[in-house]
N, C-alpha and C. Protein backbone atom coordinates (compact mmCIF):
# COMPACT_ATOMS: atom_id res chain seq x y z
N MET A 1 0.76 -1.31 -0.16
CA MET A 1 -0.14 0.02 0.01
C MET A 1 0.83 1.38 -0.04
N ASN A 2 2.10 1.18 0.54
CA ASN A 2 2.98 2.32 0.46
C ASN A 2 3.54 2.82 -0.94
N ASP A 3 3.76 1.90 -1.82
CA ASP A 3 4.11 2.07 -3.08
C ASP A 3 2.79 2.95 -3.68
N ILE A 4 1.59 2.49 -3.64
CA ILE A 4 0.45 3.13 -3.96
C ILE A 4 0.23 4.60 -3.45
N LEU A 5 0.41 4.71 -2.32
CA LEU A 5 0.46 6.11 -1.71
C LEU A 5 1.66 6.80 -2.19
N THR A 6 2.75 6.57 -2.47
CA THR A 6 3.63 7.43 -3.07
C THR A 6 3.50 7.69 -4.34
N ARG A 7 2.87 6.85 -5.14
CA ARG A 7 2.37 7.24 -6.57
C ARG A 7 1.26 8.25 -6.62
N VAL A 8 0.25 8.19 -5.60
CA VAL A 8 -0.84 8.79 -5.20
C VAL A 8 -0.14 10.29 -4.99
N GLN A 9 0.81 10.39 -4.16
CA GLN A 9 1.33 11.54 -3.82
C GLN A 9 1.96 12.36 -5.12
N GLU A 10 2.50 11.57 -6.12
CA GLU A 10 2.97 11.98 -7.21
C GLU A 10 1.93 12.66 -8.05
N ALA A 11 0.81 12.07 -7.98
CA ALA A 11 -0.36 12.73 -8.99
C ALA A 11 -0.88 13.73 -8.26
N PHE A 12 -0.77 13.90 -6.85
CA PHE A 12 -1.25 15.28 -6.14
C PHE A 12 -0.35 16.11 -6.58
N ARG A 13 1.04 15.90 -6.45
CA ARG A 13 2.05 17.00 -6.80
C ARG A 13 1.68 17.59 -8.43
N GLU A 14 1.42 16.59 -9.36
CA GLU A 14 1.29 16.93 -10.49
C GLU A 14 -0.15 17.82 -10.83
N THR A 15 -1.06 17.44 -9.92
CA THR A 15 -2.37 18.01 -10.21
C THR A 15 -2.23 19.50 -9.68
N PHE A 16 -1.83 19.52 -8.39
CA PHE A 16 -2.21 20.49 -7.55
C PHE A 16 -0.77 21.39 -7.35
N GLY A 17 0.51 21.18 -7.82
CA GLY A 17 1.44 21.92 -7.99
C GLY A 17 2.37 21.49 -6.80
N ALA A 18 3.64 21.91 -6.63
CA ALA A 18 4.63 21.70 -5.81
C ALA A 18 4.38 22.10 -4.30
N GLU A 19 3.67 23.01 -4.23
CA GLU A 19 3.26 23.45 -2.73
C GLU A 19 2.18 22.67 -2.11
N THR A 20 1.65 21.65 -2.70
CA THR A 20 0.73 20.83 -2.02
C THR A 20 1.12 20.35 -0.88
N PRO A 21 0.18 20.52 0.22
CA PRO A 21 0.92 20.02 1.47
C PRO A 21 1.11 18.57 1.56
N ALA A 22 1.91 18.04 2.70
CA ALA A 22 2.29 16.60 2.80
C ALA A 22 0.83 15.80 2.40
N ILE A 23 0.67 14.96 1.56
CA ILE A 23 -0.66 14.17 1.24
C ILE A 23 -0.40 12.57 2.22
N THR A 24 -1.26 12.36 3.10
CA THR A 24 -1.25 11.18 3.53
C THR A 24 -2.64 10.61 3.46
N ILE A 25 -2.66 9.37 4.04
CA ILE A 25 -3.94 8.59 4.11
C ILE A 25 -5.30 9.33 4.79
N GLU A 26 -4.87 10.20 5.31
CA GLU A 26 -5.89 10.85 6.19
C GLU A 26 -6.28 12.14 5.32
N THR A 27 -5.73 12.65 4.27
CA THR A 27 -5.92 13.99 3.36
C THR A 27 -7.14 13.74 2.95
N THR A 28 -7.86 14.97 3.00
CA THR A 28 -9.15 14.95 2.49
C THR A 28 -9.38 16.31 1.69
N PRO A 29 -10.43 16.62 0.85
CA PRO A 29 -10.59 17.71 -0.01
C PRO A 29 -10.37 19.07 0.72
N ALA A 30 -10.93 18.85 1.94
CA ALA A 30 -10.78 20.39 3.05
C ALA A 30 -9.36 20.58 3.27
N ASN A 31 -8.44 19.51 2.84
CA ASN A 31 -7.01 19.86 3.18
C ASN A 31 -6.37 20.68 1.68
N ILE A 32 -6.94 20.51 0.91
CA ILE A 32 -6.43 21.00 -0.57
C ILE A 32 -7.55 21.93 -1.28
N PRO A 33 -7.56 23.10 -1.03
CA PRO A 33 -8.14 24.11 -1.70
C PRO A 33 -8.48 23.57 -3.05
N ALA A 34 -7.75 23.49 -3.80
CA ALA A 34 -7.71 23.32 -5.39
C ALA A 34 -8.72 21.87 -5.78
N TRP A 35 -8.77 21.31 -4.58
CA TRP A 35 -9.35 19.72 -4.89
C TRP A 35 -10.85 20.02 -4.89
N ASP A 36 -11.46 20.56 -6.13
CA ASP A 36 -12.62 21.01 -6.19
C ASP A 36 -13.28 19.91 -7.62
N SER A 37 -14.29 19.84 -7.77
CA SER A 37 -14.85 19.08 -8.87
C SER A 37 -13.77 19.06 -10.15
N VAL A 38 -13.30 19.87 -10.61
CA VAL A 38 -12.56 19.86 -11.83
C VAL A 38 -11.17 19.27 -11.24
N GLY A 39 -10.59 19.73 -10.35
CA GLY A 39 -9.46 19.19 -9.61
C GLY A 39 -9.65 17.69 -9.54
N HIS A 40 -10.79 17.36 -9.10
CA HIS A 40 -10.86 15.72 -8.87
C HIS A 40 -10.82 15.32 -10.21
N LEU A 41 -11.20 15.68 -11.12
CA LEU A 41 -11.26 15.00 -12.63
C LEU A 41 -9.74 15.03 -12.75
N THR A 42 -9.04 16.10 -12.77
CA THR A 42 -7.51 16.21 -13.13
C THR A 42 -6.85 14.99 -12.35
N LEU A 43 -7.23 15.21 -11.17
CA LEU A 43 -6.28 14.39 -10.28
C LEU A 43 -6.34 12.66 -10.75
N ALA A 44 -7.94 12.33 -11.00
CA ALA A 44 -8.31 10.96 -11.31
C ALA A 44 -7.62 10.61 -12.60
N SER A 45 -7.62 11.68 -13.72
CA SER A 45 -6.88 11.31 -14.84
C SER A 45 -5.25 11.21 -14.66
N ASN A 46 -4.78 11.80 -13.84
CA ASN A 46 -3.02 11.71 -13.36
C ASN A 46 -3.11 10.39 -12.93
N ILE A 47 -3.96 10.00 -11.74
CA ILE A 47 -3.73 8.70 -11.32
C ILE A 47 -3.78 7.74 -12.49
N GLU A 48 -4.89 7.61 -13.27
CA GLU A 48 -5.27 6.92 -14.39
C GLU A 48 -3.88 6.37 -15.15
N ARG A 49 -3.30 7.76 -15.43
CA ARG A 49 -2.08 7.45 -16.27
C ARG A 49 -0.78 6.86 -15.61
N LEU A 50 -0.69 7.39 -14.43
CA LEU A 50 0.38 6.68 -13.51
C LEU A 50 0.23 5.22 -13.30
N PHE A 51 -1.05 4.90 -13.08
CA PHE A 51 -1.13 3.35 -12.75
C PHE A 51 -1.62 2.72 -13.90
N GLY A 52 -1.76 3.27 -15.17
CA GLY A 52 -2.49 2.53 -16.14
C GLY A 52 -3.66 1.69 -16.02
N ILE A 53 -4.60 2.62 -15.33
CA ILE A 53 -5.91 1.89 -15.27
C ILE A 53 -6.78 3.04 -15.76
N SER A 54 -8.32 2.58 -15.39
CA SER A 54 -9.29 3.82 -15.86
C SER A 54 -10.33 3.49 -14.81
N PHE A 55 -11.09 4.49 -14.44
CA PHE A 55 -12.03 4.63 -13.12
C PHE A 55 -13.41 4.69 -14.08
N ASP A 56 -14.42 3.90 -13.78
CA ASP A 56 -15.77 4.23 -14.03
C ASP A 56 -16.38 5.32 -13.17
N VAL A 57 -17.74 5.76 -13.50
CA VAL A 57 -18.31 6.79 -12.54
C VAL A 57 -18.37 6.64 -11.37
N ASP A 58 -18.73 5.26 -10.95
CA ASP A 58 -19.07 4.94 -9.49
C ASP A 58 -17.92 5.20 -8.73
N GLU A 59 -16.51 4.62 -9.31
CA GLU A 59 -15.17 4.62 -8.49
C GLU A 59 -14.94 5.89 -8.56
N MET A 60 -14.99 6.78 -9.28
CA MET A 60 -14.76 8.11 -9.22
C MET A 60 -15.72 8.90 -8.21
N MET A 61 -16.79 8.57 -8.12
CA MET A 61 -17.66 9.06 -6.83
C MET A 61 -17.28 8.83 -5.69
N GLU A 62 -16.98 7.55 -5.61
CA GLU A 62 -16.15 6.72 -4.36
C GLU A 62 -15.06 7.35 -3.83
N MET A 63 -14.36 8.10 -4.69
CA MET A 63 -13.03 8.57 -4.18
C MET A 63 -13.07 9.91 -3.47
N GLU A 64 -13.65 9.73 -2.47
CA GLU A 64 -13.71 11.27 -1.66
C GLU A 64 -12.63 11.63 -0.96
N ASP A 65 -11.72 11.04 -0.52
CA ASP A 65 -10.50 11.24 0.07
C ASP A 65 -9.35 10.37 -0.40
N VAL A 66 -7.91 10.49 0.44
CA VAL A 66 -6.78 9.73 -0.26
C VAL A 66 -7.22 8.35 0.35
N ARG A 67 -7.73 7.94 1.55
CA ARG A 67 -7.77 6.83 2.02
C ARG A 67 -8.83 6.00 0.98
N ALA A 68 -9.88 6.55 0.63
CA ALA A 68 -10.86 5.73 -0.51
C ALA A 68 -10.16 5.66 -1.78
N ILE A 69 -9.25 6.71 -2.24
CA ILE A 69 -8.43 6.67 -3.62
C ILE A 69 -7.69 5.24 -3.37
N LEU A 70 -7.01 5.25 -2.34
CA LEU A 70 -6.19 3.96 -2.00
C LEU A 70 -6.79 2.69 -2.25
N ARG A 71 -7.93 2.90 -1.60
CA ARG A 71 -8.84 1.28 -1.80
C ARG A 71 -9.19 1.20 -2.95
N VAL A 72 -9.70 2.05 -3.68
CA VAL A 72 -10.35 1.72 -5.29
C VAL A 72 -9.11 1.61 -5.94
N ILE A 73 -7.94 2.23 -6.03
CA ILE A 73 -6.56 1.46 -6.72
C ILE A 73 -6.35 0.25 -6.37
N ALA A 74 -6.26 -0.02 -4.96
CA ALA A 74 -5.91 -1.47 -4.74
C ALA A 74 -6.66 -2.51 -5.25
N ALA A 75 -8.18 -2.25 -5.37
CA ALA A 75 -9.12 -3.29 -5.65
C ALA A 75 -8.98 -3.12 -7.13
N LYS A 76 -8.57 -2.12 -8.15
CA LYS A 76 -8.36 -2.28 -9.64
C LYS A 76 -7.25 -3.10 -9.74
N LEU A 77 -6.29 -2.89 -8.95
CA LEU A 77 -5.02 -3.73 -9.33
C LEU A 77 -4.83 -5.05 -8.99
N SER A 78 -6.05 -5.50 -8.17
CA SER A 78 -6.17 -6.76 -7.63
C SER A 78 -6.77 -7.32 -8.46
N ARG A 79 -7.80 -6.76 -9.43
CA ARG A 79 -8.51 -7.43 -10.47
C ARG A 79 -7.78 -7.74 -11.92
N SER A 80 -6.69 -6.96 -11.74
CA SER A 80 -5.84 -6.99 -12.97
C SER A 80 -4.83 -7.90 -13.33
């Protein structure tokens, strides 16, 4: 799971910039002002590219915070 978190942290840096605060499993949109609906789509796109996966609408809606993002990615990777 740490490898997944490291790659998700990279996606956050790419999406929200170098000044993004430390991303942890506890990070929520409240911690990242730019993590709005458009930011969420850009983040998901960057995650898809980094992991070579794609999300469906339900998965996108489920990814409400970093913990949920990690859970969705782990589930997708385990199915492939």
